Amino acid sequence: MKAAMAGVAVGGAAALGSCMTRQPAARGAGTTPKSVARYQNSPNKGRRCGGCTHFLEPNACEIVAGEISPYGWCRFHEPRPA
């Protein structure tokens, strides 16, 4: 029984390691698809995700789903207060 459980633990750890190749999204990341948000990987007229109130370091957004570049932009952009 112990040998079987050890095999499960080792197999589970290997599976977990294989799915963690990318940086995890920040807690509270959004669910709106990038296409709906009109997300782009480049700034728009100097506005970028890294300067937005919705941006979650290091690579997520409170509104938009998925990995977000700090240099990206979307229609939900709200500048951080000065």
PDB file of N, CA and C in Angstrom:
ATOM      1  N   MET A   1       0.823  -1.195   0.000  1.00  0.00           N
ATOM      2  CA  MET A   1       0.000   0.000   0.000  1.00  0.00           C
ATOM      3  C   MET A   1       0.870   1.264   0.000  1.00  0.00           C
ATOM      4  N   LYS A   2       1.916   1.283   0.847  1.00  0.00           N
ATOM      5  CA  LYS A   2       2.791   2.455   0.894  1.00  0.00           C
ATOM      6  C   LYS A   2       3.456   2.691  -0.458  1.00  0.00           C
ATOM      7  N   ALA A   3       3.885   1.623  -1.121  1.00  0.00           N
ATOM      8  CA  ALA A   3       4.542   1.764  -2.422  1.00  0.00           C
ATOM      9  C   ALA A   3       3.574   2.351  -3.445  1.00  0.00           C
ATOM     10  N   ALA A   4       2.326   1.906  -3.417  1.00  0.00           N
ATOM     11  CA  ALA A   4       1.326   2.426  -4.358  1.00  0.00           C
ATOM     12  C   ALA A   4       1.077   3.907  -4.096  1.00  0.00           C
ATOM     13  N   MET A   5       0.970   4.293  -2.843  1.00  0.00           N
ATOM     14  CA  MET A   5       0.738   5.697  -2.497  1.00  0.00           C
ATOM     15  C   MET A   5       1.936   6.556  -2.888  1.00  0.00           C
ATOM     16  N   ALA A   6       3.135   6.031  -2.715  1.00  0.00           N
ATOM     17  CA  ALA A   6       4.331   6.780  -3.099  1.00  0.00           C
ATOM     18  C   ALA A   6       4.340   7.008  -4.604  1.00  0.00           C
ATOM     19  N   GLY A   7       3.923   5.999  -5.379  1.00  0.00           N
ATOM     20  CA  GLY A   7       3.847   6.145  -6.831  1.00  0.00           C
ATOM     21  C   GLY A   7       2.851   7.210  -7.235  1.00  0.00           C
ATOM     22  N   VAL A   8       1.722   7.263  -6.541  1.00  0.00           N
ATOM     23  CA  VAL A   8       0.706   8.281  -6.823  1.00  0.00           C
ATOM     24  C   VAL A   8       1.260   9.663  -6.519  1.00  0.00           C
ATOM     25  N   ALA A   9       1.956   9.793  -5.398  1.00  0.00           N
ATOM     26  CA  ALA A   9       2.514  11.093  -5.018  1.00  0.00           C
ATOM     27  C   ALA A   9       3.554  11.560  -6.030  1.00  0.00           C
ATOM     28  N   VAL A  10       4.416  10.652  -6.469  1.00  0.00           N
ATOM     29  CA  VAL A  10       5.440  11.011  -7.444  1.00  0.00           C
ATOM     30  C   VAL A  10       4.791  11.350  -8.782  1.00  0.00           C
ATOM     31  N   GLY A  11       3.837  10.545  -9.222  1.00  0.00           N
ATOM     32  CA  GLY A  11       3.139  10.813 -10.483  1.00  0.00           C
ATOM     33  C   GLY A  11       2.380  12.119 -10.431  1.00  0.00           C
ATOM     34  N   GLY A  12       1.738  12.393  -9.302  1.00  0.00           N
ATOM     35  CA  GLY A  12       1.003  13.650  -9.149  1.00  0.00           C
ATOM     36  C   GLY A  12       1.923  14.850  -9.194  1.00  0.00           C
ATOM     37  N   ALA A  13       3.085  14.732  -8.573  1.00  0.00           N
ATOM     38  CA  ALA A  13       4.046  15.837  -8.576  1.00  0.00           C
ATOM     39  C   ALA A  13       4.570  16.083  -9.986  1.00  0.00           C
ATOM     40  N   ALA A  14       4.796  15.014 -10.741  1.00  0.00           N
ATOM     41  CA  ALA A  14       5.277  15.171 -12.118  1.00  0.00           C
ATOM     42  C   ALA A  14       4.219  15.850 -12.975  1.00  0.00           C
ATOM     43  N   ALA A  15       2.968  15.458 -12.805  1.00  0.00           N
ATOM     44  CA  ALA A  15       1.881  16.073 -13.575  1.00  0.00           C
ATOM     45  C   ALA A  15       1.750  17.545 -13.220  1.00  0.00           C
ATOM     46  N   LEU A  16       1.867  17.860 -11.956  1.00  0.00           N
ATOM     47  CA  LEU A  16       1.766  19.249 -11.522  1.00  0.00           C
ATOM     48  C   LEU A  16       2.905  20.076 -12.104  1.00  0.00           C
ATOM     49  N   GLY A  17       4.100  19.539 -12.092  1.00  0.00           N
ATOM     50  CA  GLY A  17       5.247  20.257 -12.636  1.00  0.00           C
ATOM     51  C   GLY A  17       5.103  20.541 -14.122  1.00  0.00           C
ATOM     52  N   SER A  18       4.507  19.611 -14.856  1.00  0.00           N
ATOM     53  CA  SER A  18       4.369  19.805 -16.300  1.00  0.00           C
ATOM     54  C   SER A  18       3.347  20.870 -16.645  1.00  0.00           C
ATOM     55  N   CYS A  19       2.386  21.114 -15.774  1.00  0.00           N
ATOM     56  CA  CYS A  19       1.369  22.124 -16.083  1.00  0.00           C
ATOM     57  C   CYS A  19       1.768  23.509 -15.574  1.00  0.00           C
ATOM     58  N   MET A  20       2.881  23.610 -14.892  1.00  0.00           N
ATOM     59  CA  MET A  20       3.281  24.896 -14.325  1.00  0.00           C
ATOM     60  C   MET A  20       4.462  25.493 -15.086  1.00  0.00           C
ATOM     61  N   THR A  21       4.429  25.404 -16.405  1.00  0.00           N
ATOM     62  CA  THR A  21       5.523  25.937 -17.204  1.00  0.00           C
ATOM     63  C   THR A  21       5.388  27.432 -17.435  1.00  0.00           C
ATOM     64  N   ARG A  22       4.195  27.983 -17.293  1.00  0.00           N
ATOM     65  CA  ARG A  22       3.973  29.419 -17.465  1.00  0.00           C
ATOM     66  C   ARG A  22       3.752  30.038 -16.098  1.00  0.00           C
ATOM     67  N   GLN A  23       3.946  31.347 -16.033  1.00  0.00           N
ATOM     68  CA  GLN A  23       3.681  32.047 -14.785  1.00  0.00           C
ATOM     69  C   GLN A  23       2.188  32.007 -14.512  1.00  0.00           C
ATOM     70  N   PRO A  24       1.769  31.689 -13.287  1.00  0.00           N
ATOM     71  CA  PRO A  24       0.340  31.655 -13.007  1.00  0.00           C
ATOM     72  C   PRO A  24      -0.263  33.052 -13.071  1.00  0.00           C
ATOM     73  N   ALA A  25      -1.518  33.109 -13.469  1.00  0.00           N
ATOM     74  CA  ALA A  25      -2.232  34.389 -13.491  1.00  0.00           C
ATOM     75  C   ALA A  25      -2.427  34.856 -12.060  1.00  0.00           C
ATOM     76  N   ALA A  26      -2.466  36.129 -11.879  1.00  0.00           N
ATOM     77  CA  ALA A  26      -2.648  36.698 -10.547  1.00  0.00           C
ATOM     78  C   ALA A  26      -4.029  36.360 -10.009  1.00  0.00           C
ATOM     79  N   ARG A  27      -4.140  36.316  -8.726  1.00  0.00           N
ATOM     80  CA  ARG A  27      -5.412  36.049  -8.068  1.00  0.00           C
ATOM     81  C   ARG A  27      -6.413  37.144  -8.431  1.00  0.00           C
ATOM     82  N   GLY A  28      -7.644  36.757  -8.714  1.00  0.00           N
ATOM     83  CA  GLY A  28      -8.672  37.726  -9.054  1.00  0.00           C
ATOM     84  C   GLY A  28      -8.670  38.105 -10.522  1.00  0.00           C
ATOM     85  N   ALA A  29      -7.971  37.323 -11.359  1.00  0.00           N
ATOM     86  CA  ALA A  29      -7.891  37.637 -12.784  1.00  0.00           C
ATOM     87  C   ALA A  29      -9.268  37.559 -13.429  1.00  0.00           C
ATOM     88  N   GLY A  30      -9.467  38.381 -14.447  1.00  0.00           N
ATOM     89  CA  GLY A  30     -10.757  38.509 -15.101  1.00  0.00           C
ATOM     90  C   GLY A  30     -11.167  37.337 -15.968  1.00  0.00           C
ATOM     91  N   THR A  31     -12.391  37.413 -16.472  1.00  0.00           N
ATOM     92  CA  THR A  31     -12.956  36.355 -17.294  1.00  0.00           C
ATOM     93  C   THR A  31     -13.407  36.837 -18.672  1.00  0.00           C
ATOM     94  N   THR A  32     -13.306  38.120 -18.947  1.00  0.00           N
ATOM     95  CA  THR A  32     -13.718  38.656 -20.243  1.00  0.00           C
ATOM     96  C   THR A  32     -12.718  38.237 -21.318  1.00  0.00           C
ATOM     97  N   PRO A  33     -13.194  37.626 -22.408  1.00  0.00           N
ATOM     98  CA  PRO A  33     -12.270  37.219 -23.476  1.00  0.00           C
ATOM     99  C   PRO A  33     -11.523  38.414 -24.070  1.00  0.00           C
ATOM    100  N   LYS A  34     -10.292  38.171 -24.485  1.00  0.00           N
ATOM    101  CA  LYS A  34      -9.472  39.235 -25.067  1.00  0.00           C
ATOM    102  C   LYS A  34     -10.148  39.857 -26.282  1.00  0.00           C
ATOM    103  N   SER A  35     -10.846  39.052 -27.071  1.00  0.00           N
ATOM    104  CA  SER A  35     -11.506  39.583 -28.268  1.00  0.00           C
ATOM    105  C   SER A  35     -12.597  40.583 -27.905  1.00  0.00           C
ATOM    106  N   VAL A  36     -13.339  40.325 -26.842  1.00  0.00           N
ATOM    107  CA  VAL A  36     -14.393  41.240 -26.389  1.00  0.00           C
ATOM    108  C   VAL A  36     -13.773  42.531 -25.861  1.00  0.00           C
ATOM    109  N   ALA A  37     -12.644  42.405 -25.176  1.00  0.00           N
ATOM    110  CA  ALA A  37     -11.953  43.577 -24.616  1.00  0.00           C
ATOM    111  C   ALA A  37     -11.164  44.340 -25.676  1.00  0.00           C
ATOM    112  N   ARG A  38     -11.060  43.769 -26.877  1.00  0.00           N
ATOM    113  CA  ARG A  38     -10.232  44.340 -27.950  1.00  0.00           C
ATOM    114  C   ARG A  38      -8.778  44.503 -27.472  1.00  0.00           C
ATOM    115  N   TYR A  39      -8.322  43.495 -26.713  1.00  0.00           N
ATOM    116  CA  TYR A  39      -6.960  43.497 -26.176  1.00  0.00           C
ATOM    117  C   TYR A  39      -5.942  43.433 -27.308  1.00  0.00           C
ATOM    118  N   GLN A  40      -4.857  44.181 -27.158  1.00  0.00           N
ATOM    119  CA  GLN A  40      -3.724  44.125 -28.086  1.00  0.00           C
ATOM    120  C   GLN A  40      -2.446  44.114 -27.266  1.00  0.00           C
ATOM    121  N   ASN A  41      -1.384  43.523 -27.807  1.00  0.00           N
ATOM    122  CA  ASN A  41      -0.109  43.383 -27.090  1.00  0.00           C
ATOM    123  C   ASN A  41       0.762  44.625 -27.118  1.00  0.00           C
ATOM    124  N   SER A  42       0.247  45.719 -27.637  1.00  0.00           N
ATOM    125  CA  SER A  42       1.035  46.954 -27.710  1.00  0.00           C
ATOM    126  C   SER A  42       0.219  48.119 -27.158  1.00  0.00           C
ATOM    127  N   PRO A  43       0.892  49.188 -26.723  1.00  0.00           N
ATOM    128  CA  PRO A  43       0.185  50.352 -26.175  1.00  0.00           C
ATOM    129  C   PRO A  43      -0.706  51.025 -27.221  1.00  0.00           C
ATOM    130  N   ASN A  44      -1.641  51.816 -26.757  1.00  0.00           N
ATOM    131  CA  ASN A  44      -2.526  52.598 -27.622  1.00  0.00           C
ATOM    132  C   ASN A  44      -2.400  54.058 -27.209  1.00  0.00           C
ATOM    133  N   LYS A  45      -1.789  54.857 -28.069  1.00  0.00           N
ATOM    134  CA  LYS A  45      -1.599  56.287 -27.797  1.00  0.00           C
ATOM    135  C   LYS A  45      -0.936  56.518 -26.434  1.00  0.00           C
ATOM    136  N   GLY A  46       0.054  55.688 -26.129  1.00  0.00           N
ATOM    137  CA  GLY A  46       0.793  55.830 -24.879  1.00  0.00           C
ATOM    138  C   GLY A  46       0.142  55.160 -23.676  1.00  0.00           C
ATOM    139  N   ARG A  47      -1.080  54.699 -23.819  1.00  0.00           N
ATOM    140  CA  ARG A  47      -1.759  54.010 -22.715  1.00  0.00           C
ATOM    141  C   ARG A  47      -1.426  52.525 -22.780  1.00  0.00           C
ATOM    142  N   ARG A  48      -1.103  51.944 -21.614  1.00  0.00           N
ATOM    143  CA  ARG A  48      -0.742  50.531 -21.569  1.00  0.00           C
ATOM    144  C   ARG A  48      -1.244  49.896 -20.279  1.00  0.00           C
ATOM    145  N   CYS A  49      -1.351  48.588 -20.284  1.00  0.00           N
ATOM    146  CA  CYS A  49      -1.891  47.850 -19.138  1.00  0.00           C
ATOM    147  C   CYS A  49      -1.117  48.114 -17.847  1.00  0.00           C
ATOM    148  N   GLY A  50       0.198  48.236 -17.927  1.00  0.00           N
ATOM    149  CA  GLY A  50       1.007  48.477 -16.738  1.00  0.00           C
ATOM    150  C   GLY A  50       0.646  49.757 -16.008  1.00  0.00           C
ATOM    151  N   GLY A  51      -0.030  50.681 -16.674  1.00  0.00           N
ATOM    152  CA  GLY A  51      -0.452  51.938 -16.062  1.00  0.00           C
ATOM    153  C   GLY A  51      -1.947  51.990 -15.798  1.00  0.00           C
ATOM    154  N   CYS A  52      -2.594  50.834 -15.791  1.00  0.00           N
ATOM    155  CA  CYS A  52      -4.050  50.752 -15.627  1.00  0.00           C
ATOM    156  C   CYS A  52      -4.426  50.292 -14.220  1.00  0.00           C
ATOM    157  N   THR A  53      -5.540  50.798 -13.717  1.00  0.00           N
ATOM    158  CA  THR A  53      -6.004  50.420 -12.375  1.00  0.00           C
ATOM    159  C   THR A  53      -6.400  48.946 -12.294  1.00  0.00           C
ATOM    160  N   HIS A  54      -6.709  48.315 -13.421  1.00  0.00           N
ATOM    161  CA  HIS A  54      -7.149  46.914 -13.430  1.00  0.00           C
ATOM    162  C   HIS A  54      -6.004  45.914 -13.559  1.00  0.00           C
ATOM    163  N   PHE A  55      -4.790  46.386 -13.847  1.00  0.00           N
ATOM    164  CA  PHE A  55      -3.653  45.486 -14.059  1.00  0.00           C
ATOM    165  C   PHE A  55      -3.212  44.862 -12.745  1.00  0.00           C
ATOM    166  N   LEU A  56      -2.973  43.548 -12.773  1.00  0.00           N
ATOM    167  CA  LEU A  56      -2.505  42.792 -11.611  1.00  0.00           C
ATOM    168  C   LEU A  56      -1.118  42.243 -11.928  1.00  0.00           C
ATOM    169  N   GLU A  57      -0.111  42.702 -11.189  1.00  0.00           N
ATOM    170  CA  GLU A  57       1.258  42.223 -11.404  1.00  0.00           C
ATOM    171  C   GLU A  57       1.302  40.719 -11.176  1.00  0.00           C
ATOM    172  N   PRO A  58       2.044  39.953 -11.925  1.00  0.00           N
ATOM    173  CA  PRO A  58       2.947  40.410 -12.962  1.00  0.00           C
ATOM    174  C   PRO A  58       2.331  40.396 -14.364  1.00  0.00           C
ATOM    175  N   ASN A  59       1.197  39.671 -14.553  1.00  0.00           N
ATOM    176  CA  ASN A  59       0.729  39.490 -15.929  1.00  0.00           C
ATOM    177  C   ASN A  59      -0.765  39.191 -16.047  1.00  0.00           C
ATOM    178  N   ALA A  60      -1.596  39.864 -15.268  1.00  0.00           N
ATOM    179  CA  ALA A  60      -3.030  39.582 -15.309  1.00  0.00           C
ATOM    180  C   ALA A  60      -3.839  40.869 -15.187  1.00  0.00           C
ATOM    181  N   CYS A  61      -5.139  40.718 -15.322  1.00  0.00           N
ATOM    182  CA  CYS A  61      -6.059  41.849 -15.283  1.00  0.00           C
ATOM    183  C   CYS A  61      -7.302  41.458 -14.491  1.00  0.00           C
ATOM    184  N   GLU A  62      -7.891  42.409 -13.803  1.00  0.00           N
ATOM    185  CA  GLU A  62      -9.131  42.161 -13.064  1.00  0.00           C
ATOM    186  C   GLU A  62     -10.297  41.872 -14.005  1.00  0.00           C
ATOM    187  N   ILE A  63     -10.205  42.311 -15.244  1.00  0.00           N
ATOM    188  CA  ILE A  63     -11.312  42.187 -16.189  1.00  0.00           C
ATOM    189  C   ILE A  63     -11.038  41.160 -17.283  1.00  0.00           C
ATOM    190  N   VAL A  64      -9.883  41.259 -17.927  1.00  0.00           N
ATOM    191  CA  VAL A  64      -9.575  40.448 -19.108  1.00  0.00           C
ATOM    192  C   VAL A  64      -8.936  39.115 -18.718  1.00  0.00           C
ATOM    193  N   ALA A  65      -9.382  38.041 -19.365  1.00  0.00           N
ATOM    194  CA  ALA A  65      -8.878  36.697 -19.090  1.00  0.00           C
ATOM    195  C   ALA A  65      -7.530  36.452 -19.759  1.00  0.00           C
ATOM    196  N   GLY A  66      -6.746  35.580 -19.163  1.00  0.00           N
ATOM    197  CA  GLY A  66      -5.491  35.147 -19.760  1.00  0.00           C
ATOM    198  C   GLY A  66      -4.303  35.991 -19.351  1.00  0.00           C
ATOM    199  N   GLU A  67      -3.176  35.653 -19.956  1.00  0.00           N
ATOM    200  CA  GLU A  67      -1.929  36.364 -19.665  1.00  0.00           C
ATOM    201  C   GLU A  67      -1.955  37.731 -20.344  1.00  0.00           C
ATOM    202  N   ILE A  68      -1.623  38.761 -19.576  1.00  0.00           N
ATOM    203  CA  ILE A  68      -1.689  40.143 -20.045  1.00  0.00           C
ATOM    204  C   ILE A  68      -0.300  40.769 -19.988  1.00  0.00           C
ATOM    205  N   SER A  69       0.096  41.394 -21.071  1.00  0.00           N
ATOM    206  CA  SER A  69       1.383  42.088 -21.105  1.00  0.00           C
ATOM    207  C   SER A  69       1.241  43.458 -20.449  1.00  0.00           C
ATOM    208  N   PRO A  70       2.220  43.870 -19.640  1.00  0.00           N
ATOM    209  CA  PRO A  70       2.158  45.221 -19.075  1.00  0.00           C
ATOM    210  C   PRO A  70       2.227  46.292 -20.164  1.00  0.00           C
ATOM    211  N   TYR A  71       2.638  45.899 -21.374  1.00  0.00           N
ATOM    212  CA  TYR A  71       2.727  46.832 -22.500  1.00  0.00           C
ATOM    213  C   TYR A  71       1.524  46.729 -23.436  1.00  0.00           C
ATOM    214  N   GLY A  72       0.540  45.909 -23.060  1.00  0.00           N
ATOM    215  CA  GLY A  72      -0.669  45.761 -23.860  1.00  0.00           C
ATOM    216  C   GLY A  72      -1.668  46.874 -23.577  1.00  0.00           C
ATOM    217  N   TRP A  73      -2.843  46.759 -24.182  1.00  0.00           N
ATOM    218  CA  TRP A  73      -3.917  47.747 -23.999  1.00  0.00           C
ATOM    219  C   TRP A  73      -5.240  47.068 -24.316  1.00  0.00           C
ATOM    220  N   CYS A  74      -6.329  47.544 -23.701  1.00  0.00           N
ATOM    221  CA  CYS A  74      -7.675  47.099 -24.067  1.00  0.00           C
ATOM    222  C   CYS A  74      -8.660  48.237 -23.829  1.00  0.00           C
ATOM    223  N   ARG A  75      -9.897  48.033 -24.274  1.00  0.00           N
ATOM    224  CA  ARG A  75     -10.909  49.092 -24.191  1.00  0.00           C
ATOM    225  C   ARG A  75     -11.340  49.410 -22.763  1.00  0.00           C
ATOM    226  N   PHE A  76     -10.976  48.586 -21.798  1.00  0.00           N
ATOM    227  CA  PHE A  76     -11.328  48.834 -20.398  1.00  0.00           C
ATOM    228  C   PHE A  76     -10.249  49.629 -19.658  1.00  0.00           C
ATOM    229  N   HIS A  77      -9.266  50.118 -20.377  1.00  0.00           N
ATOM    230  CA  HIS A  77      -8.144  50.828 -19.757  1.00  0.00           C
ATOM    231  C   HIS A  77      -8.630  52.030 -18.944  1.00  0.00           C
ATOM    232  N   GLU A  78      -8.166  52.086 -17.697  1.00  0.00           N
ATOM    233  CA  GLU A  78      -8.416  53.236 -16.810  1.00  0.00           C
ATOM    234  C   GLU A  78      -7.078  53.611 -16.193  1.00  0.00           C
ATOM    235  N   PRO A  79      -6.566  54.805 -16.482  1.00  0.00           N
ATOM    236  CA  PRO A  79      -5.267  55.206 -15.938  1.00  0.00           C
ATOM    237  C   PRO A  79      -5.268  55.202 -14.405  1.00  0.00           C
ATOM    238  N   ARG A  80      -4.141  54.796 -13.850  1.00  0.00           N
ATOM    239  CA  ARG A  80      -3.984  54.875 -12.393  1.00  0.00           C
ATOM    240  C   ARG A  80      -3.964  56.338 -11.991  1.00  0.00           C
ATOM    241  N   PRO A  81      -4.498  56.656 -10.808  1.00  0.00           N
ATOM    242  CA  PRO A  81      -4.455  58.054 -10.343  1.00  0.00           C
ATOM    243  C   PRO A  81      -3.014  58.534 -10.198  1.00  0.00           C
ATOM    244  N   ALA A  82      -2.798  59.784 -10.485  1.00  0.00           N
ATOM    245  CA  ALA A  82      -1.448  60.364 -10.405  1.00  0.00           C
ATOM    246  C   ALA A  82      -0.987  60.541  -8.980  1.00  0.00           C
TER     247      ALA A  82
END
